[in-house]
Amino acid sequence: MTDDRDLDPRVALDELERAEAAPYVNYPATPWWHFPLMGLWAGAMVGAFVWWRESALLFVGAMVVLVAIETAYLVWLSRTHGALPMPGRGTPPAELAPVWRGYFIGVAVVVVGVGLVWWLLGIAAAAVTAFVLVTGGLAEYDRRYERAAARTRARLGIAGRS
């Protein structure tokens, strides 16, 4: 026997919207150590430039190691996270669009800020600045993303974080 709700296109559209939103709003909490780890990685990337003119081997070696570490971490994170929506890819719920725009603006501000500190104060100060700005920026992004995801879950009637 078929329920009339099964034939209602509005019900089907609501279910589709919940399913499309799920990877964006139903995910485990970000571990506390993620933010300083990413800040440390960014600071190390900037700091590796100390070898730019001194030793091509050390510089390239450091970059290869840092990219490999980041790649391995992102692979691990996507496996533990399940679906891992990336800013700029896919079609997120409307509540997330301003958060992602803020992320891209924030990245530009961090790059300019680190570059300015590097120019004025040197690589060591730029590496510390990268650590501080990336750590704080990602933590703030995570807070804003979770608030937007909570609004989306409430609007769509999706249960809380997984």
N, C-alpha and C. Protein backbone atom coordinates (compact mmCIF):
# COMPACT_ATOMS: atom_id res chain seq x y z
N MET A 1 0.85 -1.18 0.00
CA MET A 1 0.00 0.00 0.00
C MET A 1 0.90 1.25 0.00
N THR A 2 0.56 2.21 -0.80
CA THR A 2 1.35 3.41 -0.95
C THR A 2 0.76 4.53 -0.11
N ASP A 3 1.65 5.19 0.63
CA ASP A 3 1.26 6.35 1.44
C ASP A 3 1.19 7.56 0.50
N ASP A 4 0.20 8.44 0.68
CA ASP A 4 0.07 9.64 -0.16
C ASP A 4 1.32 10.51 -0.09
N ARG A 5 2.01 10.46 1.06
CA ARG A 5 3.24 11.25 1.20
C ARG A 5 4.31 10.77 0.22
N ASP A 6 4.30 9.48 -0.13
CA ASP A 6 5.27 8.95 -1.08
C ASP A 6 5.11 9.57 -2.46
N LEU A 7 3.94 10.05 -2.78
CA LEU A 7 3.67 10.61 -4.09
C LEU A 7 3.77 12.14 -4.13
N ASP A 8 3.94 12.74 -2.96
CA ASP A 8 3.98 14.20 -2.87
C ASP A 8 5.37 14.70 -3.29
N PRO A 9 5.47 15.46 -4.39
CA PRO A 9 6.78 15.93 -4.85
C PRO A 9 7.46 16.86 -3.83
N ARG A 10 6.69 17.58 -3.02
CA ARG A 10 7.30 18.45 -2.01
C ARG A 10 8.06 17.63 -0.98
N VAL A 11 7.51 16.49 -0.60
CA VAL A 11 8.18 15.61 0.35
C VAL A 11 9.48 15.08 -0.27
N ALA A 12 9.40 14.69 -1.53
CA ALA A 12 10.59 14.19 -2.23
C ALA A 12 11.66 15.27 -2.33
N LEU A 13 11.26 16.50 -2.62
CA LEU A 13 12.23 17.60 -2.71
C LEU A 13 12.87 17.90 -1.35
N ASP A 14 12.05 17.85 -0.29
CA ASP A 14 12.59 18.07 1.06
C ASP A 14 13.61 16.99 1.41
N GLU A 15 13.30 15.74 1.08
CA GLU A 15 14.22 14.65 1.35
C GLU A 15 15.50 14.80 0.54
N LEU A 16 15.37 15.22 -0.70
CA LEU A 16 16.53 15.45 -1.55
C LEU A 16 17.41 16.56 -0.98
N GLU A 17 16.80 17.65 -0.53
CA GLU A 17 17.57 18.75 0.03
C GLU A 17 18.30 18.31 1.30
N ARG A 18 17.65 17.53 2.15
CA ARG A 18 18.31 17.01 3.36
C ARG A 18 19.50 16.11 2.98
N ALA A 19 19.30 15.27 1.98
CA ALA A 19 20.38 14.37 1.56
C ALA A 19 21.55 15.15 0.97
N GLU A 20 21.26 16.18 0.17
CA GLU A 20 22.33 17.00 -0.41
C GLU A 20 23.09 17.77 0.67
N ALA A 21 22.40 18.21 1.70
CA ALA A 21 23.02 19.01 2.75
C ALA A 21 23.81 18.17 3.74
N ALA A 22 23.46 16.89 3.87
CA ALA A 22 24.04 16.05 4.92
C ALA A 22 25.56 16.07 4.97
N PRO A 23 26.29 15.92 3.86
CA PRO A 23 27.76 15.92 3.98
C PRO A 23 28.32 17.25 4.48
N TYR A 24 27.58 18.32 4.29
CA TYR A 24 28.04 19.64 4.70
C TYR A 24 27.76 19.94 6.16
N VAL A 25 26.74 19.28 6.73
CA VAL A 25 26.29 19.68 8.06
C VAL A 25 26.28 18.55 9.08
N ASN A 26 26.56 17.34 8.67
CA ASN A 26 26.55 16.21 9.58
C ASN A 26 27.94 15.58 9.57
N TYR A 27 28.77 15.99 10.51
CA TYR A 27 30.17 15.60 10.52
C TYR A 27 30.67 15.63 11.96
N PRO A 28 31.75 14.92 12.25
CA PRO A 28 32.29 14.95 13.61
C PRO A 28 32.92 16.30 13.92
N ALA A 29 32.99 16.63 15.19
CA ALA A 29 33.61 17.88 15.63
C ALA A 29 35.09 17.87 15.25
N THR A 30 35.61 19.03 14.92
CA THR A 30 37.02 19.17 14.60
C THR A 30 37.82 19.03 15.89
N PRO A 31 38.84 18.17 15.91
CA PRO A 31 39.64 18.03 17.14
C PRO A 31 40.37 19.34 17.47
N TRP A 32 40.56 19.60 18.74
CA TRP A 32 41.19 20.85 19.19
C TRP A 32 42.57 21.04 18.59
N TRP A 33 43.29 19.96 18.38
CA TRP A 33 44.68 20.03 17.92
C TRP A 33 44.81 20.33 16.43
N HIS A 34 43.70 20.25 15.70
CA HIS A 34 43.74 20.51 14.26
C HIS A 34 44.24 21.92 13.96
N PHE A 35 43.74 22.89 14.69
CA PHE A 35 44.05 24.29 14.39
C PHE A 35 45.53 24.62 14.62
N PRO A 36 46.10 24.30 15.80
CA PRO A 36 47.54 24.58 15.95
C PRO A 36 48.41 23.72 15.02
N LEU A 37 47.95 22.51 14.69
CA LEU A 37 48.71 21.68 13.76
C LEU A 37 48.79 22.34 12.38
N MET A 38 47.66 22.87 11.91
CA MET A 38 47.65 23.56 10.61
C MET A 38 48.47 24.85 10.69
N GLY A 39 48.40 25.54 11.82
CA GLY A 39 49.22 26.74 12.00
C GLY A 39 50.70 26.41 12.00
N LEU A 40 51.06 25.32 12.66
CA LEU A 40 52.45 24.88 12.67
C LEU A 40 52.92 24.53 11.27
N TRP A 41 52.07 23.84 10.53
CA TRP A 41 52.42 23.48 9.16
C TRP A 41 52.63 24.74 8.31
N ALA A 42 51.72 25.70 8.41
CA ALA A 42 51.85 26.94 7.63
C ALA A 42 53.12 27.70 8.04
N GLY A 43 53.39 27.75 9.34
CA GLY A 43 54.60 28.41 9.80
C GLY A 43 55.86 27.71 9.29
N ALA A 44 55.82 26.38 9.25
CA ALA A 44 56.96 25.62 8.72
C ALA A 44 57.15 25.88 7.23
N MET A 45 56.04 25.98 6.49
CA MET A 45 56.14 26.28 5.05
C MET A 45 56.83 27.63 4.84
N VAL A 46 56.43 28.62 5.61
CA VAL A 46 57.06 29.94 5.48
C VAL A 46 58.50 29.87 5.97
N GLY A 47 58.71 29.22 7.11
CA GLY A 47 60.05 29.13 7.68
C GLY A 47 61.04 28.41 6.78
N ALA A 48 60.57 27.46 5.99
CA ALA A 48 61.46 26.73 5.09
C ALA A 48 62.13 27.65 4.07
N PHE A 49 61.53 28.81 3.85
CA PHE A 49 62.13 29.75 2.89
C PHE A 49 63.45 30.32 3.38
N VAL A 50 63.81 30.05 4.60
CA VAL A 50 65.12 30.48 5.08
C VAL A 50 66.22 29.81 4.26
N TRP A 51 65.91 28.64 3.68
CA TRP A 51 66.89 27.91 2.86
C TRP A 51 66.78 28.25 1.38
N TRP A 52 65.88 29.13 1.00
CA TRP A 52 65.63 29.44 -0.41
C TRP A 52 66.93 29.76 -1.16
N ARG A 53 67.74 30.63 -0.61
CA ARG A 53 68.98 31.04 -1.29
C ARG A 53 70.21 30.30 -0.77
N GLU A 54 70.07 29.67 0.38
CA GLU A 54 71.22 29.01 1.01
C GLU A 54 71.46 27.60 0.49
N SER A 55 70.36 26.83 0.37
CA SER A 55 70.52 25.43 -0.01
C SER A 55 69.26 24.96 -0.73
N ALA A 56 69.34 24.82 -2.01
CA ALA A 56 68.20 24.36 -2.79
C ALA A 56 67.77 22.98 -2.32
N LEU A 57 68.72 22.13 -1.97
CA LEU A 57 68.39 20.78 -1.52
C LEU A 57 67.57 20.80 -0.24
N LEU A 58 68.00 21.60 0.74
CA LEU A 58 67.23 21.70 1.99
C LEU A 58 65.85 22.31 1.75
N PHE A 59 65.80 23.35 0.94
CA PHE A 59 64.52 24.00 0.66
C PHE A 59 63.56 23.04 -0.03
N VAL A 60 63.98 22.43 -1.12
CA VAL A 60 63.11 21.51 -1.86
C VAL A 60 62.76 20.31 -0.99
N GLY A 61 63.73 19.80 -0.25
CA GLY A 61 63.46 18.67 0.65
C GLY A 61 62.41 19.02 1.69
N ALA A 62 62.54 20.20 2.29
CA ALA A 62 61.56 20.63 3.29
C ALA A 62 60.17 20.77 2.67
N MET A 63 60.11 21.35 1.48
CA MET A 63 58.81 21.51 0.82
C MET A 63 58.18 20.16 0.49
N VAL A 64 58.98 19.24 -0.01
CA VAL A 64 58.46 17.90 -0.34
C VAL A 64 57.93 17.22 0.92
N VAL A 65 58.70 17.28 2.00
CA VAL A 65 58.27 16.66 3.26
C VAL A 65 56.99 17.32 3.77
N LEU A 66 56.92 18.64 3.75
CA LEU A 66 55.73 19.34 4.25
C LEU A 66 54.50 19.06 3.40
N VAL A 67 54.65 19.01 2.09
CA VAL A 67 53.52 18.68 1.21
C VAL A 67 53.08 17.24 1.44
N ALA A 68 54.03 16.34 1.62
CA ALA A 68 53.69 14.93 1.88
C ALA A 68 52.94 14.80 3.21
N ILE A 69 53.39 15.51 4.23
CA ILE A 69 52.72 15.47 5.53
C ILE A 69 51.29 16.00 5.39
N GLU A 70 51.14 17.12 4.71
CA GLU A 70 49.80 17.70 4.54
C GLU A 70 48.89 16.77 3.74
N THR A 71 49.43 16.17 2.69
CA THR A 71 48.64 15.24 1.88
C THR A 71 48.19 14.05 2.71
N ALA A 72 49.11 13.48 3.46
CA ALA A 72 48.76 12.33 4.31
C ALA A 72 47.71 12.73 5.36
N TYR A 73 47.88 13.91 5.93
CA TYR A 73 46.91 14.38 6.93
C TYR A 73 45.53 14.58 6.32
N LEU A 74 45.46 15.18 5.14
CA LEU A 74 44.16 15.41 4.50
C LEU A 74 43.50 14.09 4.09
N VAL A 75 44.29 13.12 3.65
CA VAL A 75 43.74 11.81 3.33
C VAL A 75 43.17 11.17 4.59
N TRP A 76 43.93 11.21 5.68
CA TRP A 76 43.45 10.67 6.95
C TRP A 76 42.19 11.40 7.40
N LEU A 77 42.20 12.71 7.32
CA LEU A 77 41.05 13.50 7.77
C LEU A 77 39.81 13.17 6.95
N SER A 78 39.95 13.04 5.65
CA SER A 78 38.78 12.72 4.82
C SER A 78 38.26 11.33 5.12
N ARG A 79 39.13 10.40 5.46
CA ARG A 79 38.67 9.04 5.82
C ARG A 79 37.95 9.04 7.16
N THR A 80 38.44 9.80 8.12
CA THR A 80 37.79 9.82 9.43
C THR A 80 36.56 10.71 9.44
N HIS A 81 36.52 11.68 8.56
CA HIS A 81 35.43 12.64 8.50
C HIS A 81 34.25 12.09 7.70
N GLY A 82 34.52 11.20 6.79
CA GLY A 82 33.50 10.79 5.83
C GLY A 82 33.61 11.72 4.64
N ALA A 83 32.51 12.23 4.16
CA ALA A 83 32.56 13.22 3.08
C ALA A 83 33.23 14.46 3.63
N LEU A 84 34.14 15.02 2.88
CA LEU A 84 34.88 16.20 3.34
C LEU A 84 34.67 17.33 2.35
N PRO A 85 33.59 18.09 2.52
CA PRO A 85 33.34 19.20 1.59
C PRO A 85 34.49 20.21 1.63
N MET A 86 34.87 20.65 0.48
CA MET A 86 35.95 21.61 0.37
C MET A 86 35.38 22.95 -0.12
N PRO A 87 35.83 24.03 0.49
CA PRO A 87 35.34 25.34 0.04
C PRO A 87 35.56 25.52 -1.45
N GLY A 88 34.52 26.00 -2.12
CA GLY A 88 34.62 26.25 -3.55
C GLY A 88 34.20 25.08 -4.41
N ARG A 89 33.92 23.93 -3.80
CA ARG A 89 33.50 22.75 -4.57
C ARG A 89 32.12 22.33 -4.10
N GLY A 90 31.34 21.84 -5.05
CA GLY A 90 30.01 21.36 -4.69
C GLY A 90 29.01 22.49 -4.55
N THR A 91 27.83 22.11 -4.08
CA THR A 91 26.76 23.08 -3.87
C THR A 91 26.33 23.01 -2.41
N PRO A 92 26.93 23.84 -1.57
CA PRO A 92 26.59 23.79 -0.16
C PRO A 92 25.21 24.42 0.11
N PRO A 93 24.63 24.12 1.26
CA PRO A 93 23.40 24.83 1.65
C PRO A 93 23.66 26.34 1.69
N ALA A 94 22.60 27.09 1.49
CA ALA A 94 22.72 28.56 1.41
C ALA A 94 23.39 29.17 2.63
N GLU A 95 23.18 28.60 3.80
CA GLU A 95 23.76 29.16 5.02
C GLU A 95 25.28 29.11 5.03
N LEU A 96 25.86 28.21 4.25
CA LEU A 96 27.32 28.05 4.26
C LEU A 96 28.03 28.95 3.26
N ALA A 97 27.35 29.42 2.25
CA ALA A 97 27.99 30.24 1.22
C ALA A 97 28.73 31.45 1.81
N PRO A 98 28.13 32.22 2.73
CA PRO A 98 28.88 33.36 3.27
C PRO A 98 30.08 32.93 4.10
N VAL A 99 30.00 31.77 4.73
CA VAL A 99 31.13 31.29 5.52
C VAL A 99 32.29 30.95 4.59
N TRP A 100 31.99 30.31 3.47
CA TRP A 100 33.04 29.97 2.52
C TRP A 100 33.63 31.22 1.87
N ARG A 101 32.79 32.20 1.57
CA ARG A 101 33.33 33.46 1.05
C ARG A 101 34.28 34.10 2.06
N GLY A 102 33.87 34.08 3.32
CA GLY A 102 34.73 34.61 4.38
C GLY A 102 36.04 33.85 4.49
N TYR A 103 36.00 32.55 4.27
CA TYR A 103 37.21 31.73 4.28
C TYR A 103 38.19 32.21 3.21
N PHE A 104 37.70 32.39 1.98
CA PHE A 104 38.58 32.82 0.89
C PHE A 104 39.11 34.23 1.12
N ILE A 105 38.29 35.10 1.65
CA ILE A 105 38.76 36.45 1.99
C ILE A 105 39.82 36.35 3.09
N GLY A 106 39.56 35.51 4.09
CA GLY A 106 40.51 35.32 5.17
C GLY A 106 41.85 34.79 4.68
N VAL A 107 41.82 33.85 3.76
CA VAL A 107 43.07 33.32 3.19
C VAL A 107 43.86 34.45 2.54
N ALA A 108 43.18 35.30 1.78
CA ALA A 108 43.86 36.41 1.13
C ALA A 108 44.46 37.37 2.17
N VAL A 109 43.72 37.64 3.23
CA VAL A 109 44.22 38.53 4.28
C VAL A 109 45.44 37.92 4.96
N VAL A 110 45.40 36.62 5.23
CA VAL A 110 46.55 35.95 5.86
C VAL A 110 47.77 36.01 4.94
N VAL A 111 47.59 35.72 3.67
CA VAL A 111 48.71 35.74 2.73
C VAL A 111 49.33 37.14 2.67
N VAL A 112 48.49 38.16 2.56
CA VAL A 112 49.00 39.53 2.51
C VAL A 112 49.67 39.90 3.83
N GLY A 113 49.05 39.53 4.94
CA GLY A 113 49.63 39.84 6.26
C GLY A 113 50.98 39.17 6.47
N VAL A 114 51.06 37.90 6.14
CA VAL A 114 52.34 37.18 6.28
C VAL A 114 53.38 37.77 5.35
N GLY A 115 52.99 38.08 4.12
CA GLY A 115 53.93 38.70 3.18
C GLY A 115 54.43 40.05 3.67
N LEU A 116 53.54 40.83 4.23
CA LEU A 116 53.94 42.14 4.76
C LEU A 116 54.91 41.99 5.93
N VAL A 117 54.61 41.08 6.85
CA VAL A 117 55.51 40.85 7.99
C VAL A 117 56.86 40.33 7.49
N TRP A 118 56.85 39.46 6.51
CA TRP A 118 58.09 38.93 5.94
C TRP A 118 58.93 40.07 5.36
N TRP A 119 58.28 40.93 4.61
CA TRP A 119 58.96 42.05 3.97
C TRP A 119 59.55 43.01 5.01
N LEU A 120 58.77 43.29 6.07
CA LEU A 120 59.20 44.27 7.07
C LEU A 120 60.13 43.69 8.14
N LEU A 121 59.87 42.43 8.55
CA LEU A 121 60.57 41.89 9.72
C LEU A 121 61.36 40.61 9.48
N GLY A 122 61.16 39.98 8.31
CA GLY A 122 61.95 38.80 8.00
C GLY A 122 61.15 37.50 8.09
N ILE A 123 61.84 36.44 7.70
CA ILE A 123 61.20 35.13 7.59
C ILE A 123 60.75 34.59 8.94
N ALA A 124 61.58 34.71 9.96
CA ALA A 124 61.21 34.16 11.27
C ALA A 124 59.91 34.79 11.79
N ALA A 125 59.82 36.11 11.69
CA ALA A 125 58.60 36.78 12.14
C ALA A 125 57.41 36.39 11.27
N ALA A 126 57.64 36.20 9.97
CA ALA A 126 56.56 35.78 9.07
C ALA A 126 56.08 34.37 9.41
N ALA A 127 57.01 33.48 9.77
CA ALA A 127 56.63 32.12 10.15
C ALA A 127 55.77 32.12 11.41
N VAL A 128 56.15 32.93 12.38
CA VAL A 128 55.35 33.04 13.61
C VAL A 128 53.99 33.65 13.29
N THR A 129 53.97 34.66 12.45
CA THR A 129 52.71 35.29 12.04
C THR A 129 51.81 34.29 11.32
N ALA A 130 52.40 33.48 10.45
CA ALA A 130 51.62 32.45 9.75
C ALA A 130 51.01 31.48 10.76
N PHE A 131 51.80 31.05 11.74
CA PHE A 131 51.28 30.14 12.77
C PHE A 131 50.09 30.77 13.49
N VAL A 132 50.25 31.99 13.94
CA VAL A 132 49.19 32.65 14.72
C VAL A 132 47.95 32.89 13.87
N LEU A 133 48.13 33.44 12.67
CA LEU A 133 46.97 33.77 11.84
C LEU A 133 46.25 32.52 11.33
N VAL A 134 46.98 31.50 10.94
CA VAL A 134 46.34 30.27 10.45
C VAL A 134 45.63 29.56 11.60
N THR A 135 46.28 29.44 12.74
CA THR A 135 45.65 28.79 13.89
C THR A 135 44.36 29.51 14.29
N GLY A 136 44.46 30.81 14.48
CA GLY A 136 43.28 31.59 14.88
C GLY A 136 42.23 31.66 13.78
N GLY A 137 42.68 31.83 12.55
CA GLY A 137 41.74 31.93 11.43
C GLY A 137 40.95 30.65 11.22
N LEU A 138 41.62 29.51 11.27
CA LEU A 138 40.90 28.25 11.10
C LEU A 138 39.95 27.96 12.26
N ALA A 139 40.36 28.32 13.47
CA ALA A 139 39.46 28.13 14.62
C ALA A 139 38.21 28.99 14.46
N GLU A 140 38.38 30.23 14.02
CA GLU A 140 37.23 31.11 13.81
C GLU A 140 36.36 30.60 12.66
N TYR A 141 36.99 30.16 11.59
CA TYR A 141 36.24 29.58 10.47
C TYR A 141 35.41 28.39 10.95
N ASP A 142 36.01 27.53 11.76
CA ASP A 142 35.29 26.36 12.27
C ASP A 142 34.09 26.77 13.11
N ARG A 143 34.24 27.78 13.95
CA ARG A 143 33.12 28.26 14.77
C ARG A 143 31.99 28.80 13.88
N ARG A 144 32.36 29.60 12.89
CA ARG A 144 31.34 30.16 11.99
C ARG A 144 30.67 29.07 11.16
N TYR A 145 31.46 28.12 10.71
CA TYR A 145 30.91 27.02 9.91
C TYR A 145 29.91 26.22 10.74
N GLU A 146 30.27 25.91 11.98
CA GLU A 146 29.37 25.11 12.83
C GLU A 146 28.08 25.87 13.11
N ARG A 147 28.15 27.18 13.33
CA ARG A 147 26.91 27.95 13.54
C ARG A 147 26.03 27.90 12.30
N ALA A 148 26.63 28.05 11.12
CA ALA A 148 25.87 27.99 9.87
C ALA A 148 25.31 26.58 9.64
N ALA A 149 26.10 25.57 9.95
CA ALA A 149 25.63 24.18 9.80
C ALA A 149 24.47 23.91 10.76
N ALA A 150 24.54 24.44 11.96
CA ALA A 150 23.45 24.25 12.93
C ALA A 150 22.17 24.92 12.42
N ARG A 151 22.30 26.09 11.82
CA ARG A 151 21.12 26.75 11.25
C ARG A 151 20.53 25.91 10.12
N THR A 152 21.40 25.33 9.30
CA THR A 152 20.94 24.48 8.19
C THR A 152 20.24 23.24 8.74
N ARG A 153 20.85 22.60 9.74
CA ARG A 153 20.22 21.41 10.34
C ARG A 153 18.86 21.75 10.91
N ALA A 154 18.75 22.89 11.57
CA ALA A 154 17.47 23.29 12.15
C ALA A 154 16.43 23.55 11.03
N ARG A 155 16.84 24.22 9.99
CA ARG A 155 15.92 24.53 8.90
C ARG A 155 15.41 23.28 8.20
N LEU A 156 16.30 22.30 8.04
CA LEU A 156 15.95 21.10 7.30
C LEU A 156 15.47 19.94 8.18
N GLY A 157 15.53 20.14 9.49
CA GLY A 157 15.10 19.07 10.39
C GLY A 157 16.05 17.90 10.41
N ILE A 158 17.35 18.20 10.32
CA ILE A 158 18.38 17.16 10.36
C ILE A 158 18.90 17.06 11.80
N ALA A 159 19.13 15.85 12.26
CA ALA A 159 19.65 15.65 13.60
C ALA A 159 21.03 16.29 13.71
N GLY A 160 21.51 16.49 14.94
CA GLY A 160 22.80 17.13 15.21
C GLY A 160 23.98 16.42 14.59
N ARG A 161 25.16 16.89 14.94
CA ARG A 161 26.41 16.33 14.41
C ARG A 161 26.45 14.83 14.58
N SER A 162 27.17 14.19 13.67
CA SER A 162 27.31 12.73 13.76
C SER A 162 28.36 12.36 14.79
